[in-house]
């Protein structure tokens, strides 16, 4: 019995947050040295910040089992559903002028902007409950597979907090350190967030209008092409190439391989063939440049297709609601 109790106690300790310094994570003192030398942070202030930061083993657990391990239909149902369509229409109607302005300026369709925010945080209702400092510190110093990326994001978070006068120990976000209504990582916040309501402040934590403009700016910045398609259903016949889900080809090349889009496009237009497992087998889609841009918001075909399909549902529902 004593052995069992001890094991339970150890498990409880593992999953309860505790001080990064008490966890003796390697690399923090060197990181502080770098921030002091590179960006002139106060050493005393950073040492105090990291002494209060919490090591979060649950963050490692969550990032190690992403949602995309779910089957496609289960994943889709979490994001493309009546609740997000209903709330999305309300959001669209409330900010219709802002969304039109964003589309005109950045070339990103209104339905895509609304869908991204809907998938990310249900229009700001679920922006995450993890302290961003805890999440990024844990991943930067206890997640070797992507430590350089998260170390860079932690650096950007410190800079962002200084620029925006954030309380480092108060801002909450996702387990990966994404923040605010559009769930921007700190580097994206610094590079793509815009003051879209012209109040001389950039606030993605509370201001929907800034979030709308920032999502459009982000997608344009990563290569969104105005007026171009996102994805289209495809009919497949014959034997597909082995790297079917990896390499983009021209539609002419796909046609030669027995793949035909459901809509006519120029034969030189490039696309990647992707497939999703549905109830009656495989569903094939041709994904164009703008689909790939959405995957740069979140590196997942499931994610990008959920954004696209929610956008299509929103567009259809909005059209149906108009007199």
Protein backbone atom coordinates (compact mmCIF):
# COMPACT_ATOMS: atom_id res chain seq x y z
CA UNK A 1 0.00 0.00 0.00
CA UNK A 2 2.86 2.37 0.85
CA UNK A 3 4.41 1.75 -2.60
CA UNK A 4 1.10 2.57 -4.34
CA UNK A 5 0.66 5.75 -2.31
CA UNK A 6 4.21 6.82 -3.12
CA UNK A 7 3.63 6.22 -6.85
CA UNK A 8 0.43 8.28 -6.75
CA UNK A 9 2.23 11.08 -4.94
CA UNK A 10 5.00 11.12 -7.54
CA UNK A 11 2.48 11.27 -10.38
CA UNK A 12 0.67 14.12 -8.69
CA UNK A 13 3.95 16.00 -8.28
CA UNK A 14 4.77 15.47 -11.95
CA UNK A 15 1.56 17.04 -13.23
CA UNK A 16 1.36 19.90 -10.71
CA UNK A 17 3.10 23.11 -11.85
CA UNK A 18 6.21 24.00 -9.88
CA UNK A 19 8.93 26.63 -10.04
CA UNK A 20 11.17 26.40 -13.08
CA UNK A 21 14.20 26.98 -10.88
CA UNK A 22 13.16 24.26 -8.45
CA UNK A 23 12.84 21.96 -11.45
CA UNK A 24 16.43 22.89 -12.40
CA UNK A 25 15.68 23.20 -16.09
CA UNK A 26 18.97 23.75 -17.94
CA UNK A 27 19.49 26.81 -20.08
CA UNK A 28 17.63 29.53 -18.18
CA UNK A 29 20.69 31.34 -16.76
CA UNK A 30 22.30 31.37 -20.21
CA UNK A 31 19.06 32.66 -21.74
CA UNK A 32 18.97 35.48 -19.20
CA UNK A 33 22.58 36.33 -20.07
CA UNK A 34 21.62 36.51 -23.74
CA UNK A 35 18.58 38.72 -23.13
CA UNK A 36 20.62 41.12 -21.00
CA UNK A 37 23.41 41.38 -23.57
CA UNK A 38 21.22 41.40 -26.68
CA UNK A 39 18.23 43.45 -25.57
CA UNK A 40 19.43 45.22 -22.41
CA UNK A 41 16.91 43.64 -20.09
CA UNK A 42 17.49 44.02 -16.37
CA UNK A 43 19.14 40.89 -15.04
CA UNK A 44 17.49 41.26 -11.64
CA UNK A 45 14.04 41.61 -13.20
CA UNK A 46 14.49 38.59 -15.45
CA UNK A 47 15.81 36.47 -12.61
CA UNK A 48 12.75 37.40 -10.58
CA UNK A 49 10.44 36.62 -13.51
CA UNK A 50 11.90 33.17 -14.12
CA UNK A 51 12.03 32.41 -10.42
CA UNK A 52 8.25 32.85 -10.43
CA UNK A 53 7.65 31.05 -13.73
CA UNK A 54 6.13 27.60 -13.42
CA UNK A 55 7.28 24.42 -15.09
CA UNK A 56 4.19 22.83 -16.67
CA UNK A 57 4.54 19.10 -17.45
CA UNK A 58 0.94 19.15 -18.71
CA UNK A 59 2.07 21.48 -21.50
CA UNK A 60 4.54 18.86 -22.69
CA UNK A 61 1.81 16.23 -22.55
CA UNK A 62 -0.64 18.35 -24.53
CA UNK A 63 1.76 19.40 -27.27
CA UNK A 64 2.92 15.80 -27.64
CA UNK A 65 -0.59 14.61 -28.55
CA UNK A 66 -2.09 17.24 -30.90
CA UNK A 67 -5.74 17.24 -31.91
CA UNK A 68 -4.89 16.09 -35.44
CA UNK A 69 -4.36 12.54 -34.20
CA UNK A 70 -8.16 12.37 -34.12
CA UNK A 71 -9.98 11.02 -37.19
CA UNK A 72 -10.89 13.73 -39.68
CA UNK A 73 -14.64 13.65 -39.08
CA UNK A 74 -14.19 13.92 -35.32
CA UNK A 75 -11.70 16.77 -35.74
CA UNK A 76 -14.00 18.57 -38.20
CA UNK A 77 -17.02 18.30 -35.93
CA UNK A 78 -15.16 20.18 -33.20
CA UNK A 79 -14.80 23.25 -35.44
CA UNK A 80 -17.45 23.09 -38.16
CA UNK A 81 -20.69 22.94 -36.25
CA UNK A 82 -23.93 24.90 -35.71
CA UNK A 83 -22.56 26.75 -32.66
CA UNK A 84 -19.60 28.22 -34.54
CA UNK A 85 -21.77 29.06 -37.53
CA UNK A 86 -24.35 30.84 -35.33
CA UNK A 87 -21.76 32.79 -33.37
CA UNK A 88 -19.83 33.45 -36.57
CA UNK A 89 -22.85 35.05 -38.21
CA UNK A 90 -23.32 37.27 -35.16
CA UNK A 91 -19.64 38.25 -35.30
CA UNK A 92 -19.85 38.90 -39.05
CA UNK A 93 -22.96 41.06 -38.71
CA UNK A 94 -21.48 43.02 -35.81
CA UNK A 95 -18.24 43.76 -37.68
CA UNK A 96 -19.43 43.74 -41.27
CA UNK A 97 -17.93 47.17 -42.06
CA UNK A 98 -14.62 46.23 -40.47
CA UNK A 99 -14.52 42.93 -42.36
CA UNK A 100 -15.26 44.64 -45.66
CA UNK A 101 -12.45 47.09 -44.97
CA UNK A 102 -10.04 44.26 -44.13
CA UNK A 103 -10.96 42.36 -47.29
CA UNK A 104 -10.49 45.46 -49.42
CA UNK A 105 -7.10 46.29 -47.88
CA UNK A 106 -5.56 42.83 -47.60
CA UNK A 107 -7.43 40.78 -50.22
CA UNK A 108 -8.51 38.07 -47.76
CA UNK A 109 -12.23 37.16 -47.96
CA UNK A 110 -14.39 38.11 -45.01
CA UNK A 111 -15.60 34.54 -44.50
CA UNK A 112 -12.00 33.28 -44.18
CA UNK A 113 -11.16 35.94 -41.57
CA UNK A 114 -14.26 35.08 -39.54
CA UNK A 115 -13.57 31.34 -39.87
CA UNK A 116 -9.98 31.64 -38.64
CA UNK A 117 -11.12 33.52 -35.52
CA UNK A 118 -13.96 31.04 -35.08
CA UNK A 119 -11.69 28.01 -35.25
CA UNK A 120 -9.02 29.59 -33.07
CA UNK A 121 -11.04 30.94 -30.13
CA UNK A 122 -14.79 30.75 -30.94
CA UNK A 123 -14.66 34.49 -31.69
CA UNK A 124 -12.64 35.35 -28.60
CA UNK A 125 -14.57 33.21 -26.13
CA UNK A 126 -11.80 30.67 -25.54
CA UNK A 127 -8.35 32.25 -25.75
CA UNK A 128 -6.66 29.77 -23.41
CA UNK A 129 -5.99 29.38 -19.70
CA UNK A 130 -2.25 28.79 -19.58
CA UNK A 131 0.08 31.55 -18.47
CA UNK A 132 2.04 32.33 -21.62
CA UNK A 133 5.26 32.72 -19.66
CA UNK A 134 4.85 29.27 -18.11
CA UNK A 135 4.00 27.59 -21.41
CA UNK A 136 6.83 29.14 -23.39
CA UNK A 137 9.41 28.63 -20.63
CA UNK A 138 8.46 24.98 -20.29
CA UNK A 139 8.65 24.38 -24.04
CA UNK A 140 11.84 26.40 -24.51
CA UNK A 141 13.77 24.44 -21.88
CA UNK A 142 12.02 21.08 -21.60
CA UNK A 143 10.88 20.18 -25.11
CA UNK A 144 14.06 19.41 -27.09
CA UNK A 145 12.29 18.60 -30.36
CA UNK A 146 11.24 22.23 -30.86
CA UNK A 147 13.27 24.05 -28.23
CA UNK A 148 14.88 26.57 -30.65
CA UNK A 149 11.46 27.65 -31.93
CA UNK A 150 10.00 28.14 -28.48
CA UNK A 151 13.15 29.79 -27.18
CA UNK A 152 12.75 32.33 -30.00
CA UNK A 153 9.08 32.78 -29.11
CA UNK A 154 10.01 33.32 -25.46
CA UNK A 155 12.47 36.00 -26.55
CA UNK A 156 9.73 37.63 -28.63
CA UNK A 157 7.32 37.42 -25.70
CA UNK A 158 9.74 39.29 -23.45
CA UNK A 159 10.16 41.97 -26.13
CA UNK A 160 6.42 42.15 -26.76
CA UNK A 161 5.69 42.49 -23.05
CA UNK A 162 8.19 45.33 -22.79
CA UNK A 163 6.76 47.09 -25.85
CA UNK A 164 3.13 46.60 -24.87
CA UNK A 165 3.63 46.97 -21.12
CA UNK A 166 2.17 43.51 -20.52
CA UNK A 167 2.37 41.92 -17.11
CA UNK A 168 4.53 38.91 -17.93
CA UNK A 169 2.96 36.91 -15.14
CA UNK A 170 -0.66 37.64 -16.07
CA UNK A 171 -1.17 37.04 -19.80
CA UNK A 172 -2.93 33.76 -20.59
CA UNK A 173 -3.09 31.84 -23.84
CA UNK A 174 -2.83 28.36 -25.31
CA UNK A 175 -0.57 25.57 -24.09
CA UNK A 176 1.76 26.49 -26.99
CA UNK A 177 1.95 30.15 -25.97
CA UNK A 178 -0.46 31.58 -28.57
CA UNK A 179 -2.32 34.67 -27.41
CA UNK A 180 -5.47 36.64 -27.83
CA UNK A 181 -8.53 36.53 -30.04
CA UNK A 182 -6.61 35.26 -33.12
CA UNK A 183 -4.11 33.15 -31.13
CA UNK A 184 -0.95 34.78 -32.42
CA UNK A 185 2.41 33.52 -31.27
CA UNK A 186 4.55 36.36 -29.86
CA UNK A 187 6.63 36.68 -33.05
CA UNK A 188 3.45 36.92 -35.16
CA UNK A 189 2.03 39.47 -32.72
CA UNK A 190 5.13 41.62 -33.13
CA UNK A 191 5.28 41.22 -36.92
CA UNK A 192 1.66 41.14 -38.06
CA UNK A 193 -0.60 42.68 -35.43
CA UNK A 194 -2.10 46.00 -36.59
CA UNK A 195 -3.98 48.86 -35.00
CA UNK A 196 -7.05 48.39 -37.16
CA UNK A 197 -9.37 50.58 -35.07
CA UNK A 198 -6.88 53.49 -35.13
CA UNK A 199 -6.87 54.03 -31.37
CA UNK A 200 -3.05 54.16 -31.28
CA UNK A 201 -2.78 50.78 -29.57
CA UNK A 202 -2.46 47.24 -30.85
CA UNK A 203 -4.51 44.93 -28.67
CA UNK A 204 -5.24 41.37 -29.77
CA UNK A 205 -6.24 40.34 -26.26
CA UNK A 206 -9.39 42.45 -26.10
CA UNK A 207 -10.08 44.26 -29.38
CA UNK A 208 -11.95 42.32 -32.07
CA UNK A 209 -11.30 44.97 -34.69
CA UNK A 210 -7.54 44.72 -34.26
CA UNK A 211 -7.85 40.93 -34.44
CA UNK A 212 -9.75 41.13 -37.74
CA UNK A 213 -7.17 43.36 -39.37
CA UNK A 214 -4.28 41.36 -37.96
CA UNK A 215 -5.56 38.00 -39.24
CA UNK A 216 -5.97 39.48 -42.73
CA UNK A 217 -2.53 41.10 -42.55
CA UNK A 218 -0.97 37.80 -41.43
CA UNK A 219 -2.52 35.80 -44.27
CA UNK A 220 -1.56 38.41 -46.85
CA UNK A 221 1.94 38.53 -45.43
CA UNK A 222 2.32 34.77 -45.88
CA UNK A 223 1.27 34.88 -49.51
CA UNK A 224 -2.54 35.01 -49.78
CA UNK A 225 -3.50 35.78 -53.38
CA UNK A 226 -6.57 37.96 -53.80
CA UNK A 227 -9.39 36.29 -55.71
CA UNK A 228 -7.69 32.90 -55.94
CA UNK A 229 -9.42 29.66 -54.77
CA UNK A 230 -8.63 27.79 -51.57
CA UNK A 231 -9.60 24.21 -52.37
CA UNK A 232 -12.01 22.26 -54.56
CA UNK A 233 -13.35 18.70 -54.50
CA UNK A 234 -11.68 16.38 -56.97
CA UNK A 235 -12.69 13.22 -58.78
CA UNK A 236 -9.97 10.59 -58.89
CA UNK A 237 -9.58 7.78 -61.33
CA UNK A 238 -6.64 5.49 -61.95
CA UNK A 239 -3.52 4.93 -59.85
CA UNK A 240 -2.23 7.94 -57.93
CA UNK A 241 1.45 8.90 -57.56
CA UNK A 242 3.15 7.69 -54.36
CA UNK A 243 3.79 11.24 -53.13
CA UNK A 244 0.20 12.24 -53.81
CA UNK A 245 -0.18 14.21 -50.57
CA UNK A 246 3.15 16.02 -50.80
CA UNK A 247 3.97 17.48 -54.18
CA UNK A 248 1.94 20.20 -55.95
CA UNK A 249 1.40 19.73 -59.67
CA UNK A 250 -0.31 21.67 -62.41
CA UNK A 251 -3.93 20.79 -63.07
CA UNK A 252 -2.83 19.57 -66.50
CA UNK A 253 -0.50 17.07 -64.80
CA UNK A 254 -3.26 16.02 -62.42
CA UNK A 255 -5.62 15.52 -65.36
CA UNK A 256 -3.06 13.22 -66.98
CA UNK A 257 -2.99 11.22 -63.73
CA UNK A 258 -6.78 10.90 -63.74
CA UNK A 259 -7.55 13.68 -61.24
CA UNK A 260 -10.16 16.25 -62.22
CA UNK A 261 -11.39 19.24 -60.18
CA UNK A 262 -15.09 19.71 -59.77
CA UNK A 263 -14.78 23.23 -61.22
CA UNK A 264 -12.92 24.44 -64.29
CA UNK A 265 -9.61 26.21 -63.65
CA UNK A 266 -6.66 27.15 -65.85
CA UNK A 267 -4.63 24.00 -66.61
CA UNK A 268 -1.38 25.63 -65.47
CA UNK A 269 -2.73 26.37 -61.97
CA UNK A 270 -0.79 24.48 -59.32
CA UNK A 271 -2.43 22.40 -56.59
CA UNK A 272 -1.70 19.63 -54.12
CA UNK A 273 -4.01 16.62 -53.92
CA UNK A 274 -5.10 15.82 -50.36
CA UNK A 275 -7.48 13.23 -49.02
CA UNK A 276 -9.66 12.83 -45.94
CA UNK A 277 -11.21 9.66 -44.58
CA UNK A 278 -14.99 9.97 -44.41
CA UNK A 279 -17.77 7.50 -43.67
CA UNK A 280 -17.86 6.02 -47.15
CA UNK A 281 -14.13 6.00 -47.89
CA UNK A 282 -11.83 8.75 -49.14
CA UNK A 283 -12.72 12.31 -50.05
CA UNK A 284 -10.24 14.03 -52.38
CA UNK A 285 -9.52 17.74 -52.67
CA UNK A 286 -7.19 19.87 -54.75
CA UNK A 287 -5.58 22.44 -52.44
CA UNK A 288 -4.30 25.67 -53.99
CA UNK A 289 -1.88 28.35 -52.81
CA UNK A 290 -4.36 29.95 -50.43
CA UNK A 291 -4.96 26.63 -48.69
CA UNK A 292 -1.21 26.34 -48.10
CA UNK A 293 -1.21 29.86 -46.64
CA UNK A 294 -3.80 28.77 -44.06
CA UNK A 295 -1.54 25.87 -43.07
CA UNK A 296 1.09 28.50 -42.22
CA UNK A 297 -1.28 29.71 -39.51
CA UNK A 298 -1.40 26.17 -38.16
CA UNK A 299 0.62 23.46 -39.88
CA UNK A 300 -2.17 20.95 -40.48
CA UNK A 301 -4.31 20.00 -43.47
CA UNK A 302 -7.09 19.19 -40.99
CA UNK A 303 -6.85 22.72 -39.61
CA UNK A 304 -6.81 24.43 -42.99
CA UNK A 305 -9.73 22.36 -44.28
CA UNK A 306 -11.73 23.11 -41.13
CA UNK A 307 -11.16 26.84 -41.64
CA UNK A 308 -12.17 26.56 -45.29
CA UNK A 309 -15.27 24.48 -44.61
CA UNK A 310 -16.38 26.71 -41.72
CA UNK A 311 -15.95 29.69 -44.06
CA UNK A 312 -18.12 27.97 -46.67
CA UNK A 313 -20.80 27.20 -44.05
CA UNK A 314 -20.73 30.80 -42.83
CA UNK A 315 -20.99 32.16 -46.35
CA UNK A 316 -23.95 29.93 -47.16
CA UNK A 317 -25.70 30.70 -43.86
CA UNK A 318 -25.22 34.44 -44.32
CA UNK A 319 -26.60 34.31 -47.83
CA UNK A 320 -29.61 32.33 -46.63
CA UNK A 321 -30.27 34.85 -43.83
CA UNK A 322 -30.40 37.82 -46.15
CA UNK A 323 -33.82 39.02 -47.34
